[in-house]
Amino acid sequence: MASVTVRRSVLLKAIVTDKLKEEVSAELQEAADEIARRIEELDTAGRRYITDLQRTDLQRAMALRSQVETEKRRQDEVRARLLQRREEVGTWEKGTEVVRGTIEGYVEVNEGDNLAVLLGGTELVVEDDTVKAIRQLSPDELSTRLRDAIAAGDGEEDAGSDLLGRIQTP
């Protein structure tokens, strides 16, 4: 029987421990601090450039000032969301599972296989960097989880969305 090996995404989940909470909290704080540094750099560089530009083209300087302020507000909103998520990490209960992201893996596909399950139905569960479970979801479980994820709005794109995901019980 013919088969082919294909690349797929594997859902990476972590069991909440004190160590995980500390790591995720530190990652989020670091990301928020980096954004704050970028905002400061943007503000400093923007002021300097705008001051020089005002001497030659006041209209362009005003337009640039508006763009800089818009970008600073956008970055500040991202930073606020990261800090809010950092606070949420403190509420995670030990033993629950959180989505940490996806990793790539390979799977052999044969004629007659359920492609949806092979490509989207695998979860890798870790606890403090030790693999605790590898789950292959049935087609029904996969459909139910996809419906639940769509209903919960997991498709939102924002900074750190892969980092945290939503809490799920084991």
Protein backbone atom coordinates (compact mmCIF):
# COMPACT_ATOMS: atom_id res chain seq x y z
CA MET A 1 0.00 0.00 0.00
CA ALA A 2 1.34 3.44 -0.93
CA SER A 3 2.06 5.95 1.81
CA VAL A 4 3.48 9.43 2.10
CA THR A 5 5.05 11.30 4.99
CA VAL A 6 3.65 14.79 5.55
CA ARG A 7 4.45 17.62 7.92
CA ARG A 8 1.75 18.56 10.43
CA SER A 9 1.15 20.77 13.42
CA VAL A 10 0.95 19.16 16.84
CA LEU A 11 -0.83 21.04 19.63
CA LEU A 12 1.51 21.61 22.57
CA LYS A 13 -0.17 21.77 25.97
CA ALA A 14 1.37 22.20 29.38
CA ILE A 15 0.09 21.10 32.76
CA VAL A 16 0.07 24.10 35.10
CA THR A 17 2.72 24.00 37.80
CA ASP A 18 4.34 26.75 39.86
CA LYS A 19 7.38 26.56 37.56
CA LEU A 20 5.22 27.03 34.44
CA LYS A 21 3.41 29.99 36.00
CA GLU A 22 6.74 31.63 36.82
CA GLU A 23 8.15 30.99 33.32
CA VAL A 24 5.09 32.27 31.47
CA SER A 25 4.81 35.28 33.75
CA ALA A 26 8.48 36.12 33.16
CA GLU A 27 8.07 35.68 29.37
CA LEU A 28 5.09 38.02 29.31
CA GLN A 29 6.85 40.61 31.48
CA GLU A 30 9.91 40.45 29.24
CA ALA A 31 7.75 40.95 26.14
CA ALA A 32 5.95 43.89 27.78
CA ASP A 33 9.28 45.45 28.79
CA GLU A 34 10.58 45.07 25.22
CA ILE A 35 7.52 46.84 23.86
CA ALA A 36 7.99 49.64 26.40
CA ARG A 37 11.60 50.05 25.19
CA ARG A 38 10.41 50.19 21.58
CA ILE A 39 7.81 52.82 22.44
CA GLU A 40 10.49 54.91 24.14
CA GLU A 41 12.84 54.55 21.16
CA LEU A 42 10.04 55.45 18.75
CA ASP A 43 9.18 58.50 20.81
CA THR A 44 12.79 59.69 21.02
CA ALA A 45 13.62 59.08 17.36
CA GLY A 46 10.26 60.47 16.24
CA ARG A 47 10.68 63.71 18.19
CA ARG A 48 14.17 64.23 16.83
CA TYR A 49 13.14 63.58 13.22
CA ILE A 50 9.94 65.62 13.51
CA THR A 51 11.86 68.58 14.93
CA ASP A 52 14.24 68.50 11.96
CA LEU A 53 11.38 68.02 9.50
CA GLN A 54 9.39 70.95 10.92
CA ARG A 55 12.07 73.30 9.66
CA THR A 56 11.51 72.25 6.04
CA ASP A 57 7.98 70.82 5.75
CA LEU A 58 5.51 71.53 8.54
CA GLN A 59 2.69 69.51 6.94
CA ARG A 60 4.79 66.35 6.62
CA ALA A 61 6.02 66.85 10.18
CA MET A 62 2.44 67.00 11.47
CA ALA A 63 1.46 63.90 9.48
CA LEU A 64 4.48 62.03 10.80
CA ARG A 65 3.70 63.10 14.37
CA SER A 66 0.19 61.65 13.94
CA GLN A 67 1.60 58.37 12.60
CA VAL A 68 4.07 58.12 15.47
CA GLU A 69 1.34 58.75 18.03
CA THR A 70 -0.92 56.15 16.42
CA GLU A 71 1.86 53.55 16.49
CA LYS A 72 2.70 54.37 20.10
CA ARG A 73 -0.96 53.88 21.10
CA ARG A 74 -1.10 50.57 19.20
CA GLN A 75 2.08 49.31 20.87
CA ASP A 76 0.82 50.46 24.26
CA GLU A 77 -2.41 48.46 23.75
CA VAL A 78 -0.36 45.34 22.95
CA ARG A 79 1.72 45.93 26.07
CA ALA A 80 -1.43 46.33 28.19
CA ARG A 81 -2.83 43.02 26.84
CA LEU A 82 0.44 41.25 27.69
CA LEU A 83 0.37 42.60 31.23
CA GLN A 84 -3.29 41.60 31.58
CA ARG A 85 -2.43 38.07 30.48
CA ARG A 86 0.44 38.05 32.96
CA GLU A 87 -2.09 38.72 35.71
CA GLU A 88 -4.32 35.92 34.37
CA VAL A 89 -1.43 33.47 34.71
CA GLY A 90 -1.63 33.97 38.47
CA THR A 91 -5.18 32.61 38.44
CA TRP A 92 -4.27 29.36 36.65
CA GLU A 93 -5.04 26.34 38.80
CA LYS A 94 -2.41 23.67 39.27
CA GLY A 95 -3.08 20.56 37.24
CA THR A 96 -5.12 22.22 34.49
CA GLU A 97 -3.81 22.30 30.94
CA VAL A 98 -2.97 25.41 28.94
CA VAL A 99 -2.21 25.62 25.26
CA ARG A 100 1.40 26.70 24.73
CA GLY A 101 1.36 26.70 20.94
CA THR A 102 2.07 24.29 18.14
CA ILE A 103 5.13 22.41 17.01
CA GLU A 104 5.76 20.67 13.71
CA GLY A 105 5.97 16.93 13.36
CA TYR A 106 5.70 14.32 10.65
CA VAL A 107 3.11 11.62 10.11
CA GLU A 108 2.82 8.78 7.64
CA VAL A 109 -0.42 8.88 5.67
CA ASN A 110 -1.83 5.74 4.07
CA GLU A 111 -4.82 5.13 1.86
CA GLY A 112 -7.98 4.99 3.95
CA ASP A 113 -6.59 7.11 6.82
CA ASN A 114 -8.68 9.93 8.27
CA LEU A 115 -6.61 12.93 7.15
CA ALA A 116 -8.33 15.35 9.55
CA VAL A 117 -7.30 13.27 12.53
CA LEU A 118 -3.75 12.69 11.29
CA LEU A 119 -3.12 16.34 10.48
CA GLY A 120 -4.99 18.05 13.28
CA GLY A 121 -5.77 15.59 15.99
CA THR A 122 -2.55 15.17 17.94
CA GLU A 123 -1.75 16.77 21.28
CA LEU A 124 1.54 16.64 23.16
CA VAL A 125 1.13 17.28 26.90
CA VAL A 126 4.14 18.27 29.00
CA GLU A 127 4.69 18.95 32.66
CA ASP A 128 7.83 20.92 33.54
CA ASP A 129 9.40 19.96 30.18
CA THR A 130 8.65 16.24 30.61
CA VAL A 131 6.26 14.63 28.13
CA LYS A 132 3.31 13.24 30.08
CA ALA A 133 0.95 12.25 27.25
CA ILE A 134 0.62 12.04 23.51
CA ARG A 135 -3.03 12.11 22.51
CA GLN A 136 -4.52 11.19 19.18
CA LEU A 137 -8.05 12.59 19.04
CA SER A 138 -10.90 10.69 17.42
CA PRO A 139 -12.77 12.41 14.57
CA ASP A 140 -15.67 13.18 16.96
CA GLU A 141 -13.36 14.69 19.60
CA LEU A 142 -11.60 16.74 16.93
CA SER A 143 -14.89 18.09 15.55
CA THR A 144 -16.13 18.96 19.03
CA ARG A 145 -12.90 20.78 19.94
CA LEU A 146 -12.89 22.69 16.67
CA ARG A 147 -16.50 23.79 17.22
CA ASP A 148 -15.69 24.81 20.81
CA ALA A 149 -12.60 26.75 19.69
CA ILE A 150 -14.57 28.60 17.00
CA ALA A 151 -17.39 29.39 19.44
CA ALA A 152 -14.87 30.66 22.01
CA GLY A 153 -13.23 32.95 19.45
CA ASP A 154 -9.80 31.31 19.55
CA GLY A 155 -9.13 32.63 16.04
CA GLU A 156 -8.23 36.09 17.37
CA GLU A 157 -4.81 37.26 16.33
CA ASP A 158 -2.84 39.33 18.77
CA ALA A 159 0.60 39.35 20.29
CA GLY A 160 1.20 36.37 22.53
CA SER A 161 -1.90 34.44 21.47
CA ASP A 162 0.14 31.29 20.86
CA LEU A 163 1.91 31.80 24.12
CA LEU A 164 -1.10 31.41 26.36
CA GLY A 165 -4.13 30.05 24.62
CA ARG A 166 -7.01 29.25 26.92
CA ILE A 167 -7.14 27.06 30.00
CA GLN A 168 -8.61 23.60 29.51
CA THR A 169 -9.15 20.91 32.07
CA PRO A 170 -7.47 17.56 31.46
